[in-house]
Structure formats: structure tokens, C-alpha cells
Amino acid sequence: MVRIAMAALLVVLCASSADAWPRRSASSRTSSTRTVFSGGPQAVAEAKAQRAAAARIKGHLGGGYGGASAEGVGFSTSSAQHALNICCFTGQRRVAGSSVVRGADGWYAVKIFH
């Protein structure tokens, strides 16, 4: 009897929490497919900078580091050098590859670090 009551409570809780999530329109849904970047650190930095600029992503993209161990990203509306200078881990780790791309709204930089 207790198991049936616990199972019923679990079903009610799951159903009520599912309704609490905000609804999104079909146009705002994102694909669950994750981009995996391949190649060496320089190729990965270039591909990530291109993707960030094309999609206006001002944060980490994930998807690998091309054999290195960390990713730093930066964005600037003033200059490409400023975007590179403000990347995460700049001055703290050895750079394995870096790239900066001009996007529609500024410069997108990615550095891959050892």
C-alpha cells in the first residue's frame, strides 16, 4: 500500500513539475546536436571564432580543444587586439592556437591553451 502511494505521489510530482517549465515556440528551440571541433588547436580556434561570429555567441562553445586543455573567449566592439587581450586565461597559460574574426557586431576571439 505504501509503495502504491509513493508511486502515485511520484507521478503527481513529475507531472506538476513538467508543467512548470516555460513553453518555447518552435522557432526558439535549439538543436540538441552538439558541434565537435576537430583538428589541431589552431584549426579549432579558427573554427570556433568563425562559429561564434556567425551565431553572435559571446561565450564558450565547448566541443573540444584540439588536443590542448582549455579555451578562452573574448569579444570587443573596439578592436581585434582588445578581443584577444580579454580572452580567459590570457597571461596565465601557454597559447596553443588563437583566432579573431570580425562579426556583424564586433570582434570574436578564441584562444586555445595548453
PDB file of N, CA and C in Angstrom:
ATOM      1  N   MET A   1       0.816  -1.195   0.000  1.00  0.00           N
ATOM      2  CA  MET A   1       0.000   0.000   0.000  1.00  0.00           C
ATOM      3  C   MET A   1       0.866   1.268   0.000  1.00  0.00           C
ATOM      4  N   VAL A   2       1.934   1.228   0.799  1.00  0.00           N
ATOM      5  CA  VAL A   2       2.832   2.384   0.872  1.00  0.00           C
ATOM      6  C   VAL A   2       3.522   2.593  -0.476  1.00  0.00           C
ATOM      7  N   ARG A   3       3.909   1.512  -1.126  1.00  0.00           N
ATOM      8  CA  ARG A   3       4.565   1.628  -2.431  1.00  0.00           C
ATOM      9  C   ARG A   3       3.636   2.251  -3.466  1.00  0.00           C
ATOM     10  N   ILE A   4       2.380   1.883  -3.435  1.00  0.00           N
ATOM     11  CA  ILE A   4       1.412   2.448  -4.389  1.00  0.00           C
ATOM     12  C   ILE A   4       1.242   3.941  -4.135  1.00  0.00           C
ATOM     13  N   ALA A   5       1.167   4.323  -2.868  1.00  0.00           N
ATOM     14  CA  ALA A   5       1.027   5.741  -2.514  1.00  0.00           C
ATOM     15  C   ALA A   5       2.267   6.528  -2.946  1.00  0.00           C
ATOM     16  N   MET A   6       3.456   5.952  -2.726  1.00  0.00           N
ATOM     17  CA  MET A   6       4.698   6.624  -3.141  1.00  0.00           C
ATOM     18  C   MET A   6       4.771   6.757  -4.661  1.00  0.00           C
ATOM     19  N   ALA A   7       4.366   5.721  -5.379  1.00  0.00           N
ATOM     20  CA  ALA A   7       4.376   5.770  -6.837  1.00  0.00           C
ATOM     21  C   ALA A   7       3.408   6.821  -7.352  1.00  0.00           C
ATOM     22  N   ALA A   8       2.229   6.903  -6.741  1.00  0.00           N
ATOM     23  CA  ALA A   8       1.246   7.906  -7.147  1.00  0.00           C
ATOM     24  C   ALA A   8       1.767   9.313  -6.874  1.00  0.00           C
ATOM     25  N   LEU A   9       2.421   9.504  -5.731  1.00  0.00           N
ATOM     26  CA  LEU A   9       2.988  10.808  -5.397  1.00  0.00           C
ATOM     27  C   LEU A   9       4.082  11.188  -6.388  1.00  0.00           C
ATOM     28  N   LEU A  10       4.904  10.239  -6.761  1.00  0.00           N
ATOM     29  CA  LEU A  10       5.971  10.493  -7.731  1.00  0.00           C
ATOM     30  C   LEU A  10       5.405  10.912  -9.084  1.00  0.00           C
ATOM     31  N   VAL A  11       4.357  10.245  -9.529  1.00  0.00           N
ATOM     32  CA  VAL A  11       3.712  10.586 -10.801  1.00  0.00           C
ATOM     33  C   VAL A  11       3.144  11.993 -10.744  1.00  0.00           C
ATOM     34  N   VAL A  12       2.492  12.343  -9.644  1.00  0.00           N
ATOM     35  CA  VAL A  12       1.910  13.679  -9.497  1.00  0.00           C
ATOM     36  C   VAL A  12       3.000  14.741  -9.494  1.00  0.00           C
ATOM     37  N   LEU A  13       4.082  14.496  -8.772  1.00  0.00           N
ATOM     38  CA  LEU A  13       5.176  15.466  -8.723  1.00  0.00           C
ATOM     39  C   LEU A  13       5.824  15.655 -10.087  1.00  0.00           C
ATOM     40  N   CYS A  14       6.047  14.576 -10.799  1.00  0.00           N
ATOM     41  CA  CYS A  14       6.651  14.681 -12.134  1.00  0.00           C
ATOM     42  C   CYS A  14       5.747  15.432 -13.096  1.00  0.00           C
ATOM     43  N   ALA A  15       4.474  15.142 -13.048  1.00  0.00           N
ATOM     44  CA  ALA A  15       3.526  15.809 -13.946  1.00  0.00           C
ATOM     45  C   ALA A  15       3.412  17.289 -13.616  1.00  0.00           C
ATOM     46  N   SER A  16       3.418  17.643 -12.330  1.00  0.00           N
ATOM     47  CA  SER A  16       3.272  19.055 -11.969  1.00  0.00           C
ATOM     48  C   SER A  16       4.543  19.834 -12.263  1.00  0.00           C
ATOM     49  N   SER A  17       5.718  19.221 -12.089  1.00  0.00           N
ATOM     50  CA  SER A  17       6.953  19.950 -12.389  1.00  0.00           C
ATOM     51  C   SER A  17       7.146  20.100 -13.894  1.00  0.00           C
ATOM     52  N   ALA A  18       6.635  19.165 -14.677  1.00  0.00           N
ATOM     53  CA  ALA A  18       6.746  19.278 -16.133  1.00  0.00           C
ATOM     54  C   ALA A  18       5.942  20.467 -16.635  1.00  0.00           C
ATOM     55  N   ASP A  19       4.822  20.760 -16.011  1.00  0.00           N
ATOM     56  CA  ASP A  19       4.015  21.901 -16.410  1.00  0.00           C
ATOM     57  C   ASP A  19       4.628  23.222 -15.962  1.00  0.00           C
ATOM     58  N   ALA A  20       5.572  23.194 -15.036  1.00  0.00           N
ATOM     59  CA  ALA A  20       6.175  24.425 -14.534  1.00  0.00           C
ATOM     60  C   ALA A  20       7.221  24.996 -15.484  1.00  0.00           C
ATOM     61  N   TRP A  21       7.717  24.177 -16.408  1.00  0.00           N
ATOM     62  CA  TRP A  21       8.729  24.665 -17.336  1.00  0.00           C
ATOM     63  C   TRP A  21       8.102  25.621 -18.336  1.00  0.00           C
ATOM     64  N   PRO A  22       8.789  26.713 -18.674  1.00  0.00           N
ATOM     65  CA  PRO A  22       8.229  27.658 -19.639  1.00  0.00           C
ATOM     66  C   PRO A  22       8.117  27.039 -21.024  1.00  0.00           C
ATOM     67  N   ARG A  23       7.116  27.443 -21.729  1.00  0.00           N
ATOM     68  CA  ARG A  23       6.913  26.949 -23.096  1.00  0.00           C
ATOM     69  C   ARG A  23       7.754  27.784 -24.055  1.00  0.00           C
ATOM     70  N   ARG A  24       8.291  27.124 -25.061  1.00  0.00           N
ATOM     71  CA  ARG A  24       9.052  27.826 -26.093  1.00  0.00           C
ATOM     72  C   ARG A  24       8.411  27.545 -27.432  1.00  0.00           C
ATOM     73  N   SER A  25       8.456  28.560 -28.258  1.00  0.00           N
ATOM     74  CA  SER A  25       7.912  28.365 -29.600  1.00  0.00           C
ATOM     75  C   SER A  25       8.881  27.515 -30.407  1.00  0.00           C
ATOM     76  N   ALA A  26       8.396  26.983 -31.505  1.00  0.00           N
ATOM     77  CA  ALA A  26       9.236  26.129 -32.353  1.00  0.00           C
ATOM     78  C   ALA A  26      10.441  26.887 -32.887  1.00  0.00           C
ATOM     79  N   SER A  27      10.308  28.186 -33.111  1.00  0.00           N
ATOM     80  CA  SER A  27      11.418  28.961 -33.667  1.00  0.00           C
ATOM     81  C   SER A  27      12.521  29.209 -32.650  1.00  0.00           C
ATOM     82  N   SER A  28      12.213  29.103 -31.344  1.00  0.00           N
ATOM     83  CA  SER A  28      13.238  29.370 -30.342  1.00  0.00           C
ATOM     84  C   SER A  28      13.937  28.101 -29.869  1.00  0.00           C
ATOM     85  N   ARG A  29      13.513  26.947 -30.332  1.00  0.00           N
ATOM     86  CA  ARG A  29      14.145  25.697 -29.921  1.00  0.00           C
ATOM     87  C   ARG A  29      15.512  25.574 -30.575  1.00  0.00           C
ATOM     88  N   THR A  30      16.440  25.017 -29.819  1.00  0.00           N
ATOM     89  CA  THR A  30      17.769  24.794 -30.374  1.00  0.00           C
ATOM     90  C   THR A  30      17.955  23.310 -30.617  1.00  0.00           C
ATOM     91  N   SER A  31      18.824  23.008 -31.513  1.00  0.00           N
ATOM     92  CA  SER A  31      19.108  21.617 -31.836  1.00  0.00           C
ATOM     93  C   SER A  31      19.871  20.969 -30.691  1.00  0.00           C
ATOM     94  N   SER A  32      19.608  19.721 -30.441  1.00  0.00           N
ATOM     95  CA  SER A  32      20.343  19.015 -29.399  1.00  0.00           C
ATOM     96  C   SER A  32      21.662  18.477 -29.934  1.00  0.00           C
ATOM     97  N   THR A  33      21.930  18.676 -31.200  1.00  0.00           N
ATOM     98  CA  THR A  33      23.179  18.227 -31.796  1.00  0.00           C
ATOM     99  C   THR A  33      24.293  19.158 -31.349  1.00  0.00           C
ATOM    100  N   ARG A  34      25.350  18.585 -30.817  1.00  0.00           N
ATOM    101  CA  ARG A  34      26.464  19.373 -30.325  1.00  0.00           C
ATOM    102  C   ARG A  34      27.565  19.388 -31.365  1.00  0.00           C
ATOM    103  N   THR A  35      28.137  20.543 -31.611  1.00  0.00           N
ATOM    104  CA  THR A  35      29.220  20.661 -32.574  1.00  0.00           C
ATOM    105  C   THR A  35      30.510  20.167 -31.941  1.00  0.00           C
ATOM    106  N   VAL A  36      31.208  19.296 -32.629  1.00  0.00           N
ATOM    107  CA  VAL A  36      32.508  18.824 -32.182  1.00  0.00           C
ATOM    108  C   VAL A  36      33.529  19.405 -33.154  1.00  0.00           C
ATOM    109  N   PHE A  37      34.492  20.135 -32.605  1.00  0.00           N
ATOM    110  CA  PHE A  37      35.517  20.768 -33.430  1.00  0.00           C
ATOM    111  C   PHE A  37      36.711  19.837 -33.519  1.00  0.00           C
ATOM    112  N   SER A  38      37.228  19.649 -34.733  1.00  0.00           N
ATOM    113  CA  SER A  38      38.341  18.723 -34.916  1.00  0.00           C
ATOM    114  C   SER A  38      39.527  19.444 -35.521  1.00  0.00           C
ATOM    115  N   GLY A  39      40.670  18.792 -35.452  1.00  0.00           N
ATOM    116  CA  GLY A  39      41.912  19.355 -35.945  1.00  0.00           C
ATOM    117  C   GLY A  39      42.791  19.742 -34.771  1.00  0.00           C
ATOM    118  N   GLY A  40      43.884  20.401 -35.077  1.00  0.00           N
ATOM    119  CA  GLY A  40      44.789  20.861 -34.033  1.00  0.00           C
ATOM    120  C   GLY A  40      44.251  22.102 -33.348  1.00  0.00           C
ATOM    121  N   PRO A  41      44.962  22.603 -32.328  1.00  0.00           N
ATOM    122  CA  PRO A  41      44.497  23.765 -31.580  1.00  0.00           C
ATOM    123  C   PRO A  41      44.246  25.009 -32.441  1.00  0.00           C
ATOM    124  N   GLN A  42      45.104  25.255 -33.435  1.00  0.00           N
ATOM    125  CA  GLN A  42      44.916  26.428 -34.295  1.00  0.00           C
ATOM    126  C   GLN A  42      43.656  26.287 -35.141  1.00  0.00           C
ATOM    127  N   ALA A  43      43.447  25.118 -35.719  1.00  0.00           N
ATOM    128  CA  ALA A  43      42.250  24.881 -36.536  1.00  0.00           C
ATOM    129  C   ALA A  43      40.983  24.987 -35.687  1.00  0.00           C
ATOM    130  N   VAL A  44      41.034  24.491 -34.466  1.00  0.00           N
ATOM    131  CA  VAL A  44      39.882  24.568 -33.570  1.00  0.00           C
ATOM    132  C   VAL A  44      39.595  26.022 -33.205  1.00  0.00           C
ATOM    133  N   ALA A  45      40.632  26.800 -32.908  1.00  0.00           N
ATOM    134  CA  ALA A  45      40.448  28.211 -32.573  1.00  0.00           C
ATOM    135  C   ALA A  45      39.810  28.959 -33.743  1.00  0.00           C
ATOM    136  N   GLU A  46      40.273  28.703 -34.953  1.00  0.00           N
ATOM    137  CA  GLU A  46      39.715  29.362 -36.136  1.00  0.00           C
ATOM    138  C   GLU A  46      38.253  28.979 -36.361  1.00  0.00           C
ATOM    139  N   ALA A  47      37.949  27.689 -36.237  1.00  0.00           N
ATOM    140  CA  ALA A  47      36.579  27.222 -36.444  1.00  0.00           C
ATOM    141  C   ALA A  47      35.636  27.790 -35.385  1.00  0.00           C
ATOM    142  N   LYS A  48      36.091  27.826 -34.145  1.00  0.00           N
ATOM    143  CA  LYS A  48      35.248  28.350 -33.068  1.00  0.00           C
ATOM    144  C   LYS A  48      35.013  29.851 -33.216  1.00  0.00           C
ATOM    145  N   ALA A  49      36.035  30.589 -33.611  1.00  0.00           N
ATOM    146  CA  ALA A  49      35.870  32.034 -33.804  1.00  0.00           C
ATOM    147  C   ALA A  49      34.885  32.305 -34.944  1.00  0.00           C
ATOM    148  N   GLN A  50      34.997  31.544 -36.028  1.00  0.00           N
ATOM    149  CA  GLN A  50      34.054  31.693 -37.144  1.00  0.00           C
ATOM    150  C   GLN A  50      32.626  31.406 -36.696  1.00  0.00           C
ATOM    151  N   ARG A  51      32.451  30.312 -35.957  1.00  0.00           N
ATOM    152  CA  ARG A  51      31.114  29.928 -35.489  1.00  0.00           C
ATOM    153  C   ARG A  51      30.547  30.963 -34.530  1.00  0.00           C
ATOM    154  N   ALA A  52      31.377  31.447 -33.613  1.00  0.00           N
ATOM    155  CA  ALA A  52      30.924  32.452 -32.652  1.00  0.00           C
ATOM    156  C   ALA A  52      30.480  33.723 -33.364  1.00  0.00           C
ATOM    157  N   ALA A  53      31.260  34.167 -34.340  1.00  0.00           N
ATOM    158  CA  ALA A  53      30.914  35.382 -35.076  1.00  0.00           C
ATOM    159  C   ALA A  53      29.640  35.190 -35.895  1.00  0.00           C
ATOM    160  N   ALA A  54      29.514  34.047 -36.538  1.00  0.00           N
ATOM    161  CA  ALA A  54      28.332  33.788 -37.369  1.00  0.00           C
ATOM    162  C   ALA A  54      27.053  33.724 -36.536  1.00  0.00           C
ATOM    163  N   ALA A  55      27.151  33.136 -35.335  1.00  0.00           N
ATOM    164  CA  ALA A  55      25.970  32.964 -34.486  1.00  0.00           C
ATOM    165  C   ALA A  55      25.860  34.032 -33.392  1.00  0.00           C
ATOM    166  N   ARG A  56      26.817  34.968 -33.363  1.00  0.00           N
ATOM    167  CA  ARG A  56      26.872  36.019 -32.340  1.00  0.00           C
ATOM    168  C   ARG A  56      26.888  35.447 -30.926  1.00  0.00           C
ATOM    169  N   ILE A  57      27.695  34.414 -30.736  1.00  0.00           N
ATOM    170  CA  ILE A  57      27.849  33.783 -29.431  1.00  0.00           C
ATOM    171  C   ILE A  57      29.029  34.429 -28.725  1.00  0.00           C
ATOM    172  N   LYS A  58      28.777  35.011 -27.577  1.00  0.00           N
ATOM    173  CA  LYS A  58      29.830  35.707 -26.829  1.00  0.00           C
ATOM    174  C   LYS A  58      30.224  34.919 -25.589  1.00  0.00           C
ATOM    175  N   GLY A  59      30.335  33.605 -25.751  1.00  0.00           N
ATOM    176  CA  GLY A  59      30.699  32.730 -24.644  1.00  0.00           C
ATOM    177  C   GLY A  59      31.368  31.483 -25.158  1.00  0.00           C
ATOM    178  N   HIS A  60      31.631  30.577 -24.237  1.00  0.00           N
ATOM    179  CA  HIS A  60      32.312  29.335 -24.591  1.00  0.00           C
ATOM    180  C   HIS A  60      31.417  28.440 -25.440  1.00  0.00           C
ATOM    181  N   LEU A  61      32.032  27.799 -26.423  1.00  0.00           N
ATOM    182  CA  LEU A  61      31.296  26.941 -27.343  1.00  0.00           C
ATOM    183  C   LEU A  61      31.389  25.462 -26.984  1.00  0.00           C
ATOM    184  N   GLY A  62      32.424  25.056 -26.282  1.00  0.00           N
ATOM    185  CA  GLY A  62      32.601  23.634 -25.993  1.00  0.00           C
ATOM    186  C   GLY A  62      32.963  22.878 -27.258  1.00  0.00           C
ATOM    187  N   GLY A  63      32.941  21.566 -27.201  1.00  0.00           N
ATOM    188  CA  GLY A  63      33.182  20.769 -28.389  1.00  0.00           C
ATOM    189  C   GLY A  63      34.623  20.378 -28.613  1.00  0.00           C
ATOM    190  N   GLY A  64      35.478  20.545 -27.624  1.00  0.00           N
ATOM    191  CA  GLY A  64      36.858  20.095 -27.726  1.00  0.00           C
ATOM    192  C   GLY A  64      37.851  21.230 -27.874  1.00  0.00           C
ATOM    193  N   TYR A  65      39.128  20.881 -27.628  1.00  0.00           N
ATOM    194  CA  TYR A  65      40.203  21.876 -27.647  1.00  0.00           C
ATOM    195  C   TYR A  65      41.323  21.508 -28.612  1.00  0.00           C
ATOM    196  N   GLY A  66      41.121  20.540 -29.463  1.00  0.00           N
ATOM    197  CA  GLY A  66      42.129  20.166 -30.449  1.00  0.00           C
ATOM    198  C   GLY A  66      43.417  19.637 -29.851  1.00  0.00           C
ATOM    199  N   GLY A  67      43.310  18.899 -28.758  1.00  0.00           N
ATOM    200  CA  GLY A  67      44.489  18.338 -28.117  1.00  0.00           C
ATOM    201  C   GLY A  67      45.052  19.202 -27.009  1.00  0.00           C
ATOM    202  N   ALA A  68      44.590  20.405 -26.859  1.00  0.00           N
ATOM    203  CA  ALA A  68      45.028  21.266 -25.767  1.00  0.00           C
ATOM    204  C   ALA A  68      44.081  21.059 -24.577  1.00  0.00           C
ATOM    205  N   SER A  69      44.157  21.950 -23.566  1.00  0.00           N
ATOM    206  CA  SER A  69      43.391  21.665 -22.357  1.00  0.00           C
ATOM    207  C   SER A  69      42.405  22.745 -21.928  1.00  0.00           C
ATOM    208  N   ALA A  70      42.370  23.890 -22.594  1.00  0.00           N
ATOM    209  CA  ALA A  70      41.450  24.947 -22.165  1.00  0.00           C
ATOM    210  C   ALA A  70      41.131  25.887 -23.320  1.00  0.00           C
ATOM    211  N   GLU A  71      40.025  26.612 -23.151  1.00  0.00           N
ATOM    212  CA  GLU A  71      39.556  27.560 -24.159  1.00  0.00           C
ATOM    213  C   GLU A  71      39.332  28.919 -23.497  1.00  0.00           C
ATOM    214  N   GLY A  72      39.767  29.957 -24.165  1.00  0.00           N
ATOM    215  CA  GLY A  72      39.477  31.308 -23.706  1.00  0.00           C
ATOM    216  C   GLY A  72      38.743  32.045 -24.810  1.00  0.00           C
ATOM    217  N   VAL A  73      37.738  32.829 -24.442  1.00  0.00           N
ATOM    218  CA  VAL A  73      36.977  33.583 -25.427  1.00  0.00           C
ATOM    219  C   VAL A  73      36.965  35.055 -25.051  1.00  0.00           C
ATOM    220  N   GLY A  74      36.857  35.888 -26.063  1.00  0.00           N
ATOM    221  CA  GLY A  74      36.761  37.329 -25.840  1.00  0.00           C
ATOM    222  C   GLY A  74      35.936  37.972 -26.930  1.00  0.00           C
ATOM    223  N   PHE A  75      35.327  39.100 -26.587  1.00  0.00           N
ATOM    224  CA  PHE A  75      34.532  39.862 -27.547  1.00  0.00           C
ATOM    225  C   PHE A  75      34.817  41.328 -27.317  1.00  0.00           C
ATOM    226  N   SER A  76      34.920  42.078 -28.397  1.00  0.00           N
ATOM    227  CA  SER A  76      35.153  43.512 -28.286  1.00  0.00           C
ATOM    228  C   SER A  76      34.482  44.242 -29.435  1.00  0.00           C
ATOM    229  N   THR A  77      33.958  45.401 -29.133  1.00  0.00           N
ATOM    230  CA  THR A  77      33.432  46.260 -30.189  1.00  0.00           C
ATOM    231  C   THR A  77      34.474  47.286 -30.623  1.00  0.00           C
ATOM    232  N   SER A  78      35.602  47.357 -29.908  1.00  0.00           N
ATOM    233  CA  SER A  78      36.599  48.378 -30.228  1.00  0.00           C
ATOM    234  C   SER A  78      37.710  47.906 -31.150  1.00  0.00           C
ATOM    235  N   SER A  79      38.258  46.689 -30.932  1.00  0.00           N
ATOM    236  CA  SER A  79      39.340  46.218 -31.811  1.00  0.00           C
ATOM    237  C   SER A  79      39.555  44.723 -31.673  1.00  0.00           C
ATOM    238  N   ALA A  80      40.215  44.164 -32.669  1.00  0.00           N
ATOM    239  CA  ALA A  80      40.557  42.746 -32.652  1.00  0.00           C
ATOM    240  C   ALA A  80      41.561  42.459 -31.538  1.00  0.00           C
ATOM    241  N   GLN A  81      42.532  43.341 -31.363  1.00  0.00           N
ATOM    242  CA  GLN A  81      43.540  43.145 -30.317  1.00  0.00           C
ATOM    243  C   GLN A  81      42.906  43.164 -28.934  1.00  0.00           C
ATOM    244  N   HIS A  82      41.942  44.035 -28.720  1.00  0.00           N
ATOM    245  CA  HIS A  82      41.250  44.075 -27.426  1.00  0.00           C
ATOM    246  C   HIS A  82      40.512  42.767 -27.164  1.00  0.00           C
ATOM    247  N   ALA A  83      39.876  42.216 -28.182  1.00  0.00           N
ATOM    248  CA  ALA A  83      39.186  40.936 -28.027  1.00  0.00           C
ATOM    249  C   ALA A  83      40.167  39.838 -27.639  1.00  0.00           C
ATOM    250  N   LEU A  84      41.334  39.807 -28.273  1.00  0.00           N
ATOM    251  CA  LEU A  84      42.357  38.815 -27.927  1.00  0.00           C
ATOM    252  C   LEU A  84      42.890  39.036 -26.517  1.00  0.00           C
ATOM    253  N   ASN A  85      43.071  40.294 -26.126  1.00  0.00           N
ATOM    254  CA  ASN A  85      43.631  40.602 -24.807  1.00  0.00           C
ATOM    255  C   ASN A  85      42.711  40.200 -23.662  1.00  0.00           C
ATOM    256  N   ILE A  86      41.400  40.202 -23.885  1.00  0.00           N
ATOM    257  CA  ILE A  86      40.477  39.913 -22.788  1.00  0.00           C
ATOM    258  C   ILE A  86      40.005  38.460 -22.762  1.00  0.00           C
ATOM    259  N   CYS A  87      40.579  37.617 -23.613  1.00  0.00           N
ATOM    260  CA  CYS A  87      40.240  36.190 -23.571  1.00  0.00           C
ATOM    261  C   CYS A  87      40.582  35.614 -22.197  1.00  0.00           C
ATOM    262  N   CYS A  88      39.758  34.687 -21.743  1.00  0.00           N
ATOM    263  CA  CYS A  88      40.012  33.984 -20.490  1.00  0.00           C
ATOM    264  C   CYS A  88      41.403  33.349 -20.535  1.00  0.00           C
ATOM    265  N   PHE A  89      42.079  33.289 -19.424  1.00  0.00           N
ATOM    266  CA  PHE A  89      43.392  32.647 -19.237  1.00  0.00           C
ATOM    267  C   PHE A  89      44.549  33.371 -19.921  1.00  0.00           C
ATOM    268  N   THR A  90      44.314  34.523 -20.552  1.00  0.00           N
ATOM    269  CA  THR A  90      45.405  35.254 -21.195  1.00  0.00           C
ATOM    270  C   THR A  90      46.428  35.660 -20.138  1.00  0.00           C
ATOM    271  N   GLY A  91      47.689  35.328 -20.401  1.00  0.00           N
ATOM    272  CA  GLY A  91      48.770  35.629 -19.466  1.00  0.00           C
ATOM    273  C   GLY A  91      48.943  34.588 -18.377  1.00  0.00           C
ATOM    274  N   GLN A  92      48.031  33.616 -18.309  1.00  0.00           N
ATOM    275  CA  GLN A  92      48.109  32.591 -17.266  1.00  0.00           C
ATOM    276  C   GLN A  92      48.534  31.236 -17.815  1.00  0.00           C
ATOM    277  N   ARG A  93      48.282  30.999 -19.100  1.00  0.00           N
ATOM    278  CA  ARG A  93      48.592  29.717 -19.729  1.00  0.00           C
ATOM    279  C   ARG A  93      49.297  29.948 -21.055  1.00  0.00           C
ATOM    280  N   ARG A  94      49.945  28.898 -21.546  1.00  0.00           N
ATOM    281  CA  ARG A  94      50.652  28.965 -22.828  1.00  0.00           C
ATOM    282  C   ARG A  94      49.651  28.764 -23.967  1.00  0.00           C
ATOM    283  N   VAL A  95      49.693  29.653 -24.954  1.00  0.00           N
ATOM    284  CA  VAL A  95      48.755  29.630 -26.079  1.00  0.00           C
ATOM    285  C   VAL A  95      49.161  28.550 -27.076  1.00  0.00           C
ATOM    286  N   ALA A  96      48.174  27.733 -27.467  1.00  0.00           N
ATOM    287  CA  ALA A  96      48.406  26.691 -28.474  1.00  0.00           C
ATOM    288  C   ALA A  96      47.850  27.117 -29.831  1.00  0.00           C
ATOM    289  N   GLY A  97      46.856  27.985 -29.843  1.00  0.00           N
ATOM    290  CA  GLY A  97      46.257  28.484 -31.069  1.00  0.00           C
ATOM    291  C   GLY A  97      45.334  29.645 -30.749  1.00  0.00           C
ATOM    292  N   SER A  98      45.212  30.580 -31.681  1.00  0.00           N
ATOM    293  CA  SER A  98      44.308  31.712 -31.449  1.00  0.00           C
ATOM    294  C   SER A  98      43.771  32.223 -32.778  1.00  0.00           C
ATOM    295  N   SER A  99      42.602  32.834 -32.693  1.00  0.00           N
ATOM    296  CA  SER A  99      41.980  33.390 -33.889  1.00  0.00           C
ATOM    297  C   SER A  99      41.026  34.496 -33.481  1.00  0.00           C
ATOM    298  N   VAL A 100      40.886  35.472 -34.342  1.00  0.00           N
ATOM    299  CA  VAL A 100      39.910  36.536 -34.123  1.00  0.00           C
ATOM    300  C   VAL A 100      39.191  36.773 -35.450  1.00  0.00           C
ATOM    301  N   VAL A 101      37.871  36.929 -35.372  1.00  0.00           N
ATOM    302  CA  VAL A 101      37.038  37.104 -36.562  1.00  0.00           C
ATOM    303  C   VAL A 101      36.151  38.308 -36.354  1.00  0.00           C
ATOM    304  N   ARG A 102      36.011  39.123 -37.377  1.00  0.00           N
ATOM    305  CA  ARG A 102      35.113  40.276 -37.326  1.00  0.00           C
ATOM    306  C   ARG A 102      33.690  39.784 -37.597  1.00  0.00           C
ATOM    307  N   GLY A 103      32.794  40.007 -36.658  1.00  0.00           N
ATOM    308  CA  GLY A 103      31.393  39.663 -36.820  1.00  0.00           C
ATOM    309  C   GLY A 103      30.587  40.909 -37.126  1.00  0.00           C
ATOM    310  N   ALA A 104      29.295  40.758 -37.223  1.00  0.00           N
ATOM    311  CA  ALA A 104      28.417  41.882 -37.546  1.00  0.00           C
ATOM    312  C   ALA A 104      28.407  42.945 -36.450  1.00  0.00           C
ATOM    313  N   ASP A 105      28.688  42.542 -35.205  1.00  0.00           N
ATOM    314  CA  ASP A 105      28.602  43.485 -34.095  1.00  0.00           C
ATOM    315  C   ASP A 105      29.913  43.684 -33.344  1.00  0.00           C
ATOM    316  N   GLY A 106      31.019  43.115 -33.833  1.00  0.00           N
ATOM    317  CA  GLY A 106      32.306  43.295 -33.168  1.00  0.00           C
ATOM    318  C   GLY A 106      33.261  42.174 -33.505  1.00  0.00           C
ATOM    319  N   TRP A 107      34.342  42.071 -32.731  1.00  0.00           N
ATOM    320  CA  TRP A 107      35.370  41.059 -32.945  1.00  0.00           C
ATOM    321  C   TRP A 107      35.184  39.923 -31.944  1.00  0.00           C
ATOM    322  N   TYR A 108      35.251  38.693 -32.463  1.00  0.00           N
ATOM    323  CA  TYR A 108      35.119  37.481 -31.663  1.00  0.00           C
ATOM    324  C   TYR A 108      36.468  36.779 -31.644  1.00  0.00           C
ATOM    325  N   ALA A 109      37.021  36.577 -30.454  1.00  0.00           N
ATOM    326  CA  ALA A 109      38.334  35.945 -30.330  1.00  0.00           C
ATOM    327  C   ALA A 109      38.222  34.627 -29.574  1.00  0.00           C
ATOM    328  N   VAL A 110      39.034  33.671 -29.974  1.00  0.00           N
ATOM    329  CA  VAL A 110      39.147  32.386 -29.299  1.00  0.00           C
ATOM    330  C   VAL A 110      40.621  32.049 -29.190  1.00  0.00           C
ATOM    331  N   LYS A 111      41.036  31.682 -27.987  1.00  0.00           N
ATOM    332  CA  LYS A 111      42.393  31.172 -27.767  1.00  0.00           C
ATOM    333  C   LYS A 111      42.266  29.783 -27.178  1.00  0.00           C
ATOM    334  N   ILE A 112      43.117  28.888 -27.655  1.00  0.00           N
ATOM    335  CA  ILE A 112      43.191  27.531 -27.127  1.00  0.00           C
ATOM    336  C   ILE A 112      44.523  27.443 -26.375  1.00  0.00           C
ATOM    337  N   PHE A 113      44.468  26.942 -25.159  1.00  0.00           N
ATOM    338  CA  PHE A 113      45.643  26.907 -24.284  1.00  0.00           C
ATOM    339  C   PHE A 113      46.055  25.484 -23.923  1.00  0.00           C
ATOM    340  N   HIS A 114      47.381  25.323 -23.712  1.00  0.00           N
ATOM    341  CA  HIS A 114      47.924  24.053 -23.203  1.00  0.00           C
ATOM    342  C   HIS A 114      47.643  23.994 -21.721  1.00  0.00           C
TER     343      HIS A 114
END
